[in-house]
Structure formats: structure tokens, C-alpha cells
């Protein structure tokens, strides 16, 4: 799966990263309420995806690299999900009136 990445791809990726940078700055100046985090993370994921696909040559790499990337992202989701589950359920034992904490 050898794909040649030309200068045109690099320039296009650079231009897209500049547009996403401008979107990041624009999102900073607009108060979107609860959607601030969603917009900021969406832009960050898009920038990370562009960097990984083109500058790290993942787009033209072999299938084993894709398997490693998917496994790493699955592991990240598990770690973040477990941490979030612990954080958001911290008060459940104390509010239940149980004596487990004493």
C-alpha cells in the first residue's frame, strides 16, 4: 500500500492546519456555553488526525500500524472512561448513608 505523498499534500495539510488554528482562535473568542469543550476537542482531534495521517505517514503505512493505532486509541478510551466513571461516581457511597467510608 505504497502511496506517494507529494508536496501538494503537505501544502494542503499545512493550509488545513492553519484554517483549524484560525477556528481554534475563533472558538476562543465566542462563548458557546456547554459546547465550548465539544468544539475545542473536535478541532483538536481534527488537527491531530491530519498530523498523524500526513506528517507521520500513517496514511501510507502498512496495516499493522493501523492495528497498533486502533489498539492505542481503544486503550486511551478505556483509561479515560474508567477515570471519568470513578470521578463521576465518587459521591454515591457517601450519599447513600452507608458506613463503608468509616
PDB file of N, CA and C in Angstrom:
ATOM      1  N   UNK A   1       0.837  -1.191   0.000  1.00  0.00           N
ATOM      2  CA  UNK A   1       0.000   0.000   0.000  1.00  0.00           C
ATOM      3  C   UNK A   1       0.874   1.244   0.000  1.00  0.00           C
ATOM      4  N   UNK A   2       1.742   1.300  -0.939  1.00  0.00           N
ATOM      5  CA  UNK A   2       2.663   2.420  -1.039  1.00  0.00           C
ATOM      6  C   UNK A   2       1.987   3.581  -1.755  1.00  0.00           C
ATOM      7  N   UNK A   3       1.726   4.639  -1.022  1.00  0.00           N
ATOM      8  CA  UNK A   3       1.129   5.836  -1.580  1.00  0.00           C
ATOM      9  C   UNK A   3       2.152   6.956  -1.490  1.00  0.00           C
ATOM     10  N   UNK A   4       2.365   7.622  -2.585  1.00  0.00           N
ATOM     11  CA  UNK A   4       3.320   8.713  -2.599  1.00  0.00           C
ATOM     12  C   UNK A   4       2.640   9.978  -2.105  1.00  0.00           C
ATOM     13  N   UNK A   5       3.264  10.585  -1.109  1.00  0.00           N
ATOM     14  CA  UNK A   5       2.753  11.851  -0.592  1.00  0.00           C
ATOM     15  C   UNK A   5       3.604  12.955  -1.206  1.00  0.00           C
ATOM     16  N   UNK A   6       2.969  13.799  -1.972  1.00  0.00           N
ATOM     17  CA  UNK A   6       3.676  14.847  -2.692  1.00  0.00           C
ATOM     18  C   UNK A   6       3.693  16.143  -1.888  1.00  0.00           C
ATOM     19  N   UNK A   7       4.379  17.113  -2.424  1.00  0.00           N
ATOM     20  CA  UNK A   7       4.396  18.433  -1.771  1.00  0.00           C
ATOM     21  C   UNK A   7       3.003  19.044  -1.733  1.00  0.00           C
ATOM     22  N   UNK A   8       2.210  18.731  -2.725  1.00  0.00           N
ATOM     23  CA  UNK A   8       0.836  19.236  -2.763  1.00  0.00           C
ATOM     24  C   UNK A   8       0.063  18.773  -1.528  1.00  0.00           C
ATOM     25  N   UNK A   9       0.274  17.528  -1.119  1.00  0.00           N
ATOM     26  CA  UNK A   9      -0.376  17.019   0.086  1.00  0.00           C
ATOM     27  C   UNK A   9       0.106  17.764   1.336  1.00  0.00           C
ATOM     28  N   UNK A  10       1.414  18.000   1.395  1.00  0.00           N
ATOM     29  CA  UNK A  10       1.958  18.720   2.547  1.00  0.00           C
ATOM     30  C   UNK A  10       1.431  20.148   2.618  1.00  0.00           C
ATOM     31  N   UNK A  11       1.387  20.818   1.484  1.00  0.00           N
ATOM     32  CA  UNK A  11       0.881  22.193   1.470  1.00  0.00           C
ATOM     33  C   UNK A  11      -0.614  22.234   1.813  1.00  0.00           C
ATOM     34  N   UNK A  12      -1.366  21.274   1.300  1.00  0.00           N
ATOM     35  CA  UNK A  12      -2.784  21.208   1.632  1.00  0.00           C
ATOM     36  C   UNK A  12      -3.016  20.924   3.112  1.00  0.00           C
ATOM     37  N   UNK A  13      -2.209  20.038   3.665  1.00  0.00           N
ATOM     38  CA  UNK A  13      -2.316  19.734   5.091  1.00  0.00           C
ATOM     39  C   UNK A  13      -1.940  20.947   5.927  1.00  0.00           C
ATOM     40  N   UNK A  14      -0.889  21.639   5.520  1.00  0.00           N
ATOM     41  CA  UNK A  14      -0.478  22.846   6.228  1.00  0.00           C
ATOM     42  C   UNK A  14      -1.563  23.911   6.192  1.00  0.00           C
ATOM     43  N   UNK A  15      -2.174  24.084   5.027  1.00  0.00           N
ATOM     44  CA  UNK A  15      -3.260  25.049   4.897  1.00  0.00           C
ATOM     45  C   UNK A  15      -4.452  24.653   5.773  1.00  0.00           C
ATOM     46  N   UNK A  16      -4.783  23.359   5.794  1.00  0.00           N
ATOM     47  CA  UNK A  16      -5.883  22.892   6.640  1.00  0.00           C
ATOM     48  C   UNK A  16      -5.564  23.115   8.113  1.00  0.00           C
ATOM     49  N   UNK A  17      -4.302  22.902   8.511  1.00  0.00           N
ATOM     50  CA  UNK A  17      -3.921  23.153   9.898  1.00  0.00           C
ATOM     51  C   UNK A  17      -4.010  24.632  10.250  1.00  0.00           C
ATOM     52  N   UNK A  18      -3.677  25.488   9.298  1.00  0.00           N
ATOM     53  CA  UNK A  18      -3.819  26.928   9.539  1.00  0.00           C
ATOM     54  C   UNK A  18      -5.290  27.328   9.688  1.00  0.00           C
ATOM     55  N   UNK A  19      -6.152  26.733   8.865  1.00  0.00           N
ATOM     56  CA  UNK A  19      -7.587  27.008   8.976  1.00  0.00           C
ATOM     57  C   UNK A  19      -8.114  26.527  10.330  1.00  0.00           C
ATOM     58  N   UNK A  20      -7.662  25.355  10.752  1.00  0.00           N
ATOM     59  CA  UNK A  20      -8.100  24.845  12.059  1.00  0.00           C
ATOM     60  C   UNK A  20      -7.536  25.682  13.205  1.00  0.00           C
ATOM     61  N   UNK A  21      -6.342  26.237  13.016  1.00  0.00           N
ATOM     62  CA  UNK A  21      -5.798  27.154  14.012  1.00  0.00           C
ATOM     63  C   UNK A  21      -6.671  28.399  14.126  1.00  0.00           C
ATOM     64  N   UNK A  22      -7.088  28.927  12.979  1.00  0.00           N
ATOM     65  CA  UNK A  22      -7.986  30.087  12.991  1.00  0.00           C
ATOM     66  C   UNK A  22      -9.320  29.728  13.640  1.00  0.00           C
ATOM     67  N   UNK A  23      -9.798  28.507  13.397  1.00  0.00           N
ATOM     68  CA  UNK A  23     -11.043  28.058  14.038  1.00  0.00           C
ATOM     69  C   UNK A  23     -10.866  27.952  15.548  1.00  0.00           C
ATOM     70  N   UNK A  24      -9.698  27.510  15.996  1.00  0.00           N
ATOM     71  CA  UNK A  24      -9.421  27.441  17.427  1.00  0.00           C
ATOM     72  C   UNK A  24      -9.436  28.835  18.046  1.00  0.00           C
ATOM     73  N   UNK A  25      -8.800  29.778  17.376  1.00  0.00           N
ATOM     74  CA  UNK A  25      -8.804  31.155  17.882  1.00  0.00           C
ATOM     75  C   UNK A  25     -10.207  31.746  17.859  1.00  0.00           C
ATOM     76  N   UNK A  26     -10.960  31.465  16.823  1.00  0.00           N
ATOM     77  CA  UNK A  26     -12.333  31.960  16.753  1.00  0.00           C
ATOM     78  C   UNK A  26     -13.202  31.361  17.846  1.00  0.00           C
ATOM     79  N   UNK A  27     -13.009  30.089  18.128  1.00  0.00           N
ATOM     80  CA  UNK A  27     -13.789  29.443  19.189  1.00  0.00           C
ATOM     81  C   UNK A  27     -13.441  30.003  20.557  1.00  0.00           C
ATOM     82  N   UNK A  28     -12.214  30.482  20.707  1.00  0.00           N
ATOM     83  CA  UNK A  28     -11.809  31.080  21.979  1.00  0.00           C
ATOM     84  C   UNK A  28     -12.584  32.363  22.263  1.00  0.00           C
ATOM     85  N   UNK A  29     -12.847  33.130  21.242  1.00  0.00           N
ATOM     86  CA  UNK A  29     -13.493  34.429  21.429  1.00  0.00           C
ATOM     87  C   UNK A  29     -15.018  34.365  21.473  1.00  0.00           C
ATOM     88  N   UNK A  30     -15.616  33.235  21.117  1.00  0.00           N
ATOM     89  CA  UNK A  30     -17.064  33.094  21.162  1.00  0.00           C
ATOM     90  C   UNK A  30     -17.456  32.196  22.331  1.00  0.00           C
ATOM     91  N   UNK A  31     -18.414  32.665  23.114  1.00  0.00           N
ATOM     92  CA  UNK A  31     -18.898  31.867  24.226  1.00  0.00           C
ATOM     93  C   UNK A  31     -20.011  30.951  23.713  1.00  0.00           C
ATOM     94  N   UNK A  32     -19.717  29.682  23.623  1.00  0.00           N
ATOM     95  CA  UNK A  32     -20.684  28.717  23.128  1.00  0.00           C
ATOM     96  C   UNK A  32     -21.368  27.945  24.245  1.00  0.00           C
ATOM     97  N   UNK A  33     -21.157  28.385  25.457  1.00  0.00           N
ATOM     98  CA  UNK A  33     -21.789  27.720  26.596  1.00  0.00           C
ATOM     99  C   UNK A  33     -21.221  26.319  26.805  1.00  0.00           C
ATOM    100  N   UNK A  34     -22.094  25.346  26.936  1.00  0.00           N
ATOM    101  CA  UNK A  34     -21.608  23.982  27.194  1.00  0.00           C
ATOM    102  C   UNK A  34     -20.933  23.337  25.977  1.00  0.00           C
ATOM    103  N   UNK A  35     -21.027  23.983  24.820  1.00  0.00           N
ATOM    104  CA  UNK A  35     -20.426  23.413  23.617  1.00  0.00           C
ATOM    105  C   UNK A  35     -18.981  23.853  23.411  1.00  0.00           C
ATOM    106  N   UNK A  36     -18.440  24.693  24.302  1.00  0.00           N
ATOM    107  CA  UNK A  36     -17.046  25.114  24.185  1.00  0.00           C
ATOM    108  C   UNK A  36     -16.111  23.913  24.154  1.00  0.00           C
ATOM    109  N   UNK A  37     -16.312  22.994  25.083  1.00  0.00           N
ATOM    110  CA  UNK A  37     -15.450  21.818  25.170  1.00  0.00           C
ATOM    111  C   UNK A  37     -15.587  20.940  23.933  1.00  0.00           C
ATOM    112  N   UNK A  38     -16.817  20.751  23.482  1.00  0.00           N
ATOM    113  CA  UNK A  38     -17.059  19.893  22.317  1.00  0.00           C
ATOM    114  C   UNK A  38     -16.385  20.470  21.071  1.00  0.00           C
ATOM    115  N   UNK A  39     -16.523  21.770  20.863  1.00  0.00           N
ATOM    116  CA  UNK A  39     -15.921  22.410  19.690  1.00  0.00           C
ATOM    117  C   UNK A  39     -14.397  22.363  19.777  1.00  0.00           C
ATOM    118  N   UNK A  40     -13.854  22.686  20.941  1.00  0.00           N
ATOM    119  CA  UNK A  40     -12.395  22.684  21.104  1.00  0.00           C
ATOM    120  C   UNK A  40     -11.814  21.290  20.898  1.00  0.00           C
ATOM    121  N   UNK A  41     -12.458  20.278  21.438  1.00  0.00           N
ATOM    122  CA  UNK A  41     -11.950  18.917  21.282  1.00  0.00           C
ATOM    123  C   UNK A  41     -12.114  18.423  19.845  1.00  0.00           C
ATOM    124  N   UNK A  42     -13.177  18.817  19.178  1.00  0.00           N
ATOM    125  CA  UNK A  42     -13.364  18.427  17.779  1.00  0.00           C
ATOM    126  C   UNK A  42     -12.270  19.010  16.893  1.00  0.00           C
ATOM    127  N   UNK A  43     -11.945  20.264  17.122  1.00  0.00           N
ATOM    128  CA  UNK A  43     -10.874  20.897  16.357  1.00  0.00           C
ATOM    129  C   UNK A  43      -9.541  20.233  16.671  1.00  0.00           C
ATOM    130  N   UNK A  44      -9.294  19.941  17.933  1.00  0.00           N
ATOM    131  CA  UNK A  44      -8.030  19.299  18.327  1.00  0.00           C
ATOM    132  C   UNK A  44      -7.901  17.905  17.724  1.00  0.00           C
ATOM    133  N   UNK A  45      -8.976  17.148  17.697  1.00  0.00           N
ATOM    134  CA  UNK A  45      -8.940  15.813  17.104  1.00  0.00           C
ATOM    135  C   UNK A  45      -8.688  15.903  15.605  1.00  0.00           C
ATOM    136  N   UNK A  46      -9.307  16.868  14.951  1.00  0.00           N
ATOM    137  CA  UNK A  46      -9.087  17.049  13.510  1.00  0.00           C
ATOM    138  C   UNK A  46      -7.627  17.390  13.222  1.00  0.00           C
ATOM    139  N   UNK A  47      -7.029  18.276  14.034  1.00  0.00           N
ATOM    140  CA  UNK A  47      -5.628  18.628  13.831  1.00  0.00           C
ATOM    141  C   UNK A  47      -4.716  17.435  14.095  1.00  0.00           C
ATOM    142  N   UNK A  48      -4.993  16.685  15.151  1.00  0.00           N
ATOM    143  CA  UNK A  48      -4.173  15.508  15.453  1.00  0.00           C
ATOM    144  C   UNK A  48      -4.280  14.462  14.353  1.00  0.00           C
ATOM    145  N   UNK A  49      -5.474  14.308  13.801  1.00  0.00           N
ATOM    146  CA  UNK A  49      -5.676  13.348  12.719  1.00  0.00           C
ATOM    147  C   UNK A  49      -4.894  13.753  11.469  1.00  0.00           C
ATOM    148  N   UNK A  50      -4.919  15.024  11.129  1.00  0.00           N
ATOM    149  CA  UNK A  50      -4.150  15.495   9.977  1.00  0.00           C
ATOM    150  C   UNK A  50      -2.652  15.286  10.168  1.00  0.00           C
ATOM    151  N   UNK A  51      -2.160  15.610  11.350  1.00  0.00           N
ATOM    152  CA  UNK A  51      -0.730  15.442  11.620  1.00  0.00           C
ATOM    153  C   UNK A  51      -0.343  13.973  11.553  1.00  0.00           C
ATOM    154  N   UNK A  52      -1.149  13.107  12.156  1.00  0.00           N
ATOM    155  CA  UNK A  52      -0.823  11.682  12.149  1.00  0.00           C
ATOM    156  C   UNK A  52      -0.895  11.093  10.743  1.00  0.00           C
ATOM    157  N   UNK A  53      -1.923  11.431  10.001  1.00  0.00           N
ATOM    158  CA  UNK A  53      -2.097  10.832   8.679  1.00  0.00           C
ATOM    159  C   UNK A  53      -1.031  11.260   7.680  1.00  0.00           C
ATOM    160  N   UNK A  54      -0.668  12.531   7.686  1.00  0.00           N
ATOM    161  CA  UNK A  54       0.229  13.024   6.644  1.00  0.00           C
ATOM    162  C   UNK A  54       1.661  13.217   7.124  1.00  0.00           C
ATOM    163  N   UNK A  55       1.869  13.916   8.233  1.00  0.00           N
ATOM    164  CA  UNK A  55       3.234  14.191   8.660  1.00  0.00           C
ATOM    165  C   UNK A  55       3.893  12.974   9.299  1.00  0.00           C
ATOM    166  N   UNK A  56       3.113  12.095   9.904  1.00  0.00           N
ATOM    167  CA  UNK A  56       3.672  10.870  10.485  1.00  0.00           C
ATOM    168  C   UNK A  56       3.553   9.690   9.521  1.00  0.00           C
ATOM    169  N   UNK A  57       3.051   9.929   8.330  1.00  0.00           N
ATOM    170  CA  UNK A  57       2.959   8.948   7.248  1.00  0.00           C
ATOM    171  C   UNK A  57       2.124   7.723   7.607  1.00  0.00           C
ATOM    172  N   UNK A  58       1.121   7.896   8.438  1.00  0.00           N
ATOM    173  CA  UNK A  58       0.232   6.783   8.783  1.00  0.00           C
ATOM    174  C   UNK A  58      -0.658   6.432   7.603  1.00  0.00           C
ATOM    175  N   UNK A  59      -0.986   7.405   6.810  1.00  0.00           N
ATOM    176  CA  UNK A  59      -1.871   7.178   5.651  1.00  0.00           C
ATOM    177  C   UNK A  59      -1.286   6.156   4.684  1.00  0.00           C
ATOM    178  N   UNK A  60       0.010   6.185   4.524  1.00  0.00           N
ATOM    179  CA  UNK A  60       0.642   5.280   3.573  1.00  0.00           C
ATOM    180  C   UNK A  60       1.357   4.120   4.252  1.00  0.00           C
ATOM    181  N   UNK A  61       1.077   3.864   5.511  1.00  0.00           N
ATOM    182  CA  UNK A  61       1.766   2.795   6.227  1.00  0.00           C
ATOM    183  C   UNK A  61       1.036   1.464   6.069  1.00  0.00           C
ATOM    184  N   UNK A  62       1.648   0.437   6.599  1.00  0.00           N
ATOM    185  CA  UNK A  62       1.088  -0.902   6.478  1.00  0.00           C
ATOM    186  C   UNK A  62      -0.048  -1.106   7.473  1.00  0.00           C
ATOM    187  N   UNK A  63      -0.751  -2.219   7.307  1.00  0.00           N
ATOM    188  CA  UNK A  63      -1.941  -2.483   8.121  1.00  0.00           C
ATOM    189  C   UNK A  63      -1.601  -2.717   9.588  1.00  0.00           C
ATOM    190  N   UNK A  64      -0.418  -3.217   9.875  1.00  0.00           N
ATOM    191  CA  UNK A  64      -0.036  -3.443  11.267  1.00  0.00           C
ATOM    192  C   UNK A  64       0.027  -2.130  12.042  1.00  0.00           C
ATOM    193  N   UNK A  65       0.460  -1.074  11.404  1.00  0.00           N
ATOM    194  CA  UNK A  65       0.493   0.239  12.052  1.00  0.00           C
ATOM    195  C   UNK A  65      -0.919   0.688  12.401  1.00  0.00           C
ATOM    196  N   UNK A  66      -1.866   0.439  11.502  1.00  0.00           N
ATOM    197  CA  UNK A  66      -3.264   0.797  11.768  1.00  0.00           C
ATOM    198  C   UNK A  66      -3.807  -0.001  12.954  1.00  0.00           C
ATOM    199  N   UNK A  67      -3.435  -1.268  13.062  1.00  0.00           N
ATOM    200  CA  UNK A  67      -3.878  -2.092  14.184  1.00  0.00           C
ATOM    201  C   UNK A  67      -3.324  -1.536  15.495  1.00  0.00           C
ATOM    202  N   UNK A  68      -2.067  -1.135  15.484  1.00  0.00           N
ATOM    203  CA  UNK A  68      -1.450  -0.561  16.689  1.00  0.00           C
ATOM    204  C   UNK A  68      -2.127   0.752  17.065  1.00  0.00           C
ATOM    205  N   UNK A  69      -2.440   1.575  16.097  1.00  0.00           N
ATOM    206  CA  UNK A  69      -3.099   2.856  16.369  1.00  0.00           C
ATOM    207  C   UNK A  69      -4.493   2.631  16.948  1.00  0.00           C
ATOM    208  N   UNK A  70      -5.244   1.705  16.374  1.00  0.00           N
ATOM    209  CA  UNK A  70      -6.589   1.413  16.885  1.00  0.00           C
ATOM    210  C   UNK A  70      -6.509   0.855  18.303  1.00  0.00           C
ATOM    211  N   UNK A  71      -5.535  -0.014  18.556  1.00  0.00           N
ATOM    212  CA  UNK A  71      -5.368  -0.570  19.907  1.00  0.00           C
ATOM    213  C   UNK A  71      -4.997   0.524  20.908  1.00  0.00           C
ATOM    214  N   UNK A  72      -4.125   1.438  20.499  1.00  0.00           N
ATOM    215  CA  UNK A  72      -3.737   2.534  21.387  1.00  0.00           C
ATOM    216  C   UNK A  72      -4.925   3.455  21.680  1.00  0.00           C
ATOM    217  N   UNK A  73      -5.727   3.748  20.675  1.00  0.00           N
ATOM    218  CA  UNK A  73      -6.907   4.592  20.901  1.00  0.00           C
ATOM    219  C   UNK A  73      -7.942   3.887  21.773  1.00  0.00           C
ATOM    220  N   UNK A  74      -8.104   2.577  21.583  1.00  0.00           N
ATOM    221  CA  UNK A  74      -9.034   1.819  22.435  1.00  0.00           C
ATOM    222  C   UNK A  74      -8.552   1.841  23.885  1.00  0.00           C
ATOM    223  N   UNK A  75      -7.257   1.685  24.083  1.00  0.00           N
ATOM    224  CA  UNK A  75      -6.702   1.719  25.437  1.00  0.00           C
ATOM    225  C   UNK A  75      -6.888   3.109  26.057  1.00  0.00           C
ATOM    226  N   UNK A  76      -6.685   4.151  25.278  1.00  0.00           N
ATOM    227  CA  UNK A  76      -6.896   5.511  25.774  1.00  0.00           C
ATOM    228  C   UNK A  76      -8.347   5.726  26.177  1.00  0.00           C
ATOM    229  N   UNK A  77      -9.274   5.234  25.365  1.00  0.00           N
ATOM    230  CA  UNK A  77     -10.696   5.371  25.684  1.00  0.00           C
ATOM    231  C   UNK A  77     -11.036   4.617  26.976  1.00  0.00           C
ATOM    232  N   UNK A  78     -10.462   3.434  27.145  1.00  0.00           N
ATOM    233  CA  UNK A  78     -10.696   2.679  28.381  1.00  0.00           C
ATOM    234  C   UNK A  78     -10.162   3.419  29.604  1.00  0.00           C
ATOM    235  N   UNK A  79      -8.961   3.973  29.490  1.00  0.00           N
ATOM    236  CA  UNK A  79      -8.377   4.691  30.622  1.00  0.00           C
ATOM    237  C   UNK A  79      -9.164   5.953  30.964  1.00  0.00           C
ATOM    238  N   UNK A  80      -9.508   6.725  29.963  1.00  0.00           N
ATOM    239  CA  UNK A  80     -10.266   7.957  30.209  1.00  0.00           C
ATOM    240  C   UNK A  80     -11.665   7.620  30.715  1.00  0.00           C
ATOM    241  N   UNK A  81     -12.282   6.597  30.130  1.00  0.00           N
ATOM    242  CA  UNK A  81     -13.617   6.188  30.575  1.00  0.00           C
ATOM    243  C   UNK A  81     -13.621   5.682  32.005  1.00  0.00           C
ATOM    244  N   UNK A  82     -12.616   4.902  32.374  1.00  0.00           N
ATOM    245  CA  UNK A  82     -12.532   4.423  33.753  1.00  0.00           C
ATOM    246  C   UNK A  82     -12.298   5.545  34.744  1.00  0.00           C
ATOM    247  N   UNK A  83     -11.447   6.485  34.375  1.00  0.00           N
ATOM    248  CA  UNK A  83     -11.194   7.634  35.242  1.00  0.00           C
ATOM    249  C   UNK A  83     -12.452   8.490  35.372  1.00  0.00           C
ATOM    250  N   UNK A  84     -13.143   8.717  34.271  1.00  0.00           N
ATOM    251  CA  UNK A  84     -14.375   9.509  34.316  1.00  0.00           C
ATOM    252  C   UNK A  84     -15.445   8.800  35.138  1.00  0.00           C
ATOM    253  N   UNK A  85     -15.550   7.476  34.997  1.00  0.00           N
ATOM    254  CA  UNK A  85     -16.538   6.729  35.781  1.00  0.00           C
ATOM    255  C   UNK A  85     -16.235   6.838  37.266  1.00  0.00           C
ATOM    256  N   UNK A  86     -14.971   6.773  37.632  1.00  0.00           N
ATOM    257  CA  UNK A  86     -14.592   6.923  39.042  1.00  0.00           C
ATOM    258  C   UNK A  86     -14.895   8.330  39.537  1.00  0.00           C
ATOM    259  N   UNK A  87     -14.548   9.324  38.729  1.00  0.00           N
ATOM    260  CA  UNK A  87     -14.745  10.710  39.146  1.00  0.00           C
ATOM    261  C   UNK A  87     -16.227  11.046  39.329  1.00  0.00           C
ATOM    262  N   UNK A  88     -17.070  10.621  38.390  1.00  0.00           N
ATOM    263  CA  UNK A  88     -18.476  10.995  38.431  1.00  0.00           C
ATOM    264  C   UNK A  88     -19.290  10.177  39.426  1.00  0.00           C
ATOM    265  N   UNK A  89     -18.740   9.093  39.952  1.00  0.00           N
ATOM    266  CA  UNK A  89     -19.473   8.288  40.931  1.00  0.00           C
ATOM    267  C   UNK A  89     -18.869   8.384  42.315  1.00  0.00           C
ATOM    268  N   UNK A  90     -18.017   9.348  42.579  1.00  0.00           N
ATOM    269  CA  UNK A  90     -17.369   9.489  43.889  1.00  0.00           C
ATOM    270  C   UNK A  90     -18.361   9.702  45.027  1.00  0.00           C
ATOM    271  N   UNK A  91     -19.406  10.463  44.820  1.00  0.00           N
ATOM    272  CA  UNK A  91     -20.311  10.796  45.898  1.00  0.00           C
ATOM    273  C   UNK A  91     -21.382   9.751  46.163  1.00  0.00           C
ATOM    274  N   UNK A  92     -21.448   8.677  45.392  1.00  0.00           N
ATOM    275  CA  UNK A  92     -22.531   7.720  45.533  1.00  0.00           C
ATOM    276  C   UNK A  92     -22.493   6.987  46.856  1.00  0.00           C
ATOM    277  N   UNK A  93     -21.322   6.632  47.357  1.00  0.00           N
ATOM    278  CA  UNK A  93     -21.242   5.913  48.623  1.00  0.00           C
ATOM    279  C   UNK A  93     -21.589   6.818  49.796  1.00  0.00           C
ATOM    280  N   UNK A  94     -21.111   8.034  49.773  1.00  0.00           N
ATOM    281  CA  UNK A  94     -21.357   8.956  50.873  1.00  0.00           C
ATOM    282  C   UNK A  94     -22.821   9.384  50.926  1.00  0.00           C
ATOM    283  N   UNK A  95     -23.475   9.529  49.801  1.00  0.00           N
ATOM    284  CA  UNK A  95     -24.857   9.991  49.791  1.00  0.00           C
ATOM    285  C   UNK A  95     -25.837   8.874  50.103  1.00  0.00           C
ATOM    286  N   UNK A  96     -25.407   7.627  50.026  1.00  0.00           N
ATOM    287  CA  UNK A  96     -26.285   6.502  50.306  1.00  0.00           C
ATOM    288  C   UNK A  96     -26.482   6.231  51.785  1.00  0.00           C
ATOM    289  N   UNK A  97     -25.709   6.908  52.641  1.00  0.00           N
ATOM    290  CA  UNK A  97     -25.848   6.708  54.065  1.00  0.00           C
ATOM    291  C   UNK A  97     -25.210   5.433  54.576  1.00  0.00           C
ATOM    292  N   UNK A  98     -24.339   4.839  53.795  1.00  0.00           N
ATOM    293  CA  UNK A  98     -23.698   3.599  54.237  1.00  0.00           C
ATOM    294  C   UNK A  98     -22.508   3.916  55.095  1.00  0.00           C
ATOM    295  N   UNK A  99     -22.082   2.971  55.878  1.00  0.00           N
ATOM    296  CA  UNK A  99     -20.970   3.147  56.792  1.00  0.00           C
ATOM    297  C   UNK A  99     -19.683   2.582  56.185  1.00  0.00           C
ATOM    298  N   UNK A 100     -19.625   2.453  54.909  1.00  0.00           N
ATOM    299  CA  UNK A 100     -18.421   1.891  54.270  1.00  0.00           C
ATOM    300  C   UNK A 100     -17.234   2.832  54.341  1.00  0.00           C
ATOM    301  N   UNK A 101     -17.477   4.106  54.457  1.00  0.00           N
ATOM    302  CA  UNK A 101     -16.394   5.061  54.455  1.00  0.00           C
ATOM    303  C   UNK A 101     -15.797   5.267  55.844  1.00  0.00           C
ATOM    304  N   UNK A 102     -16.418   4.751  56.887  1.00  0.00           N
ATOM    305  CA  UNK A 102     -15.923   4.985  58.256  1.00  0.00           C
ATOM    306  C   UNK A 102     -15.042   3.884  58.701  1.00  0.00           C
TER     307      UNK A 102
END
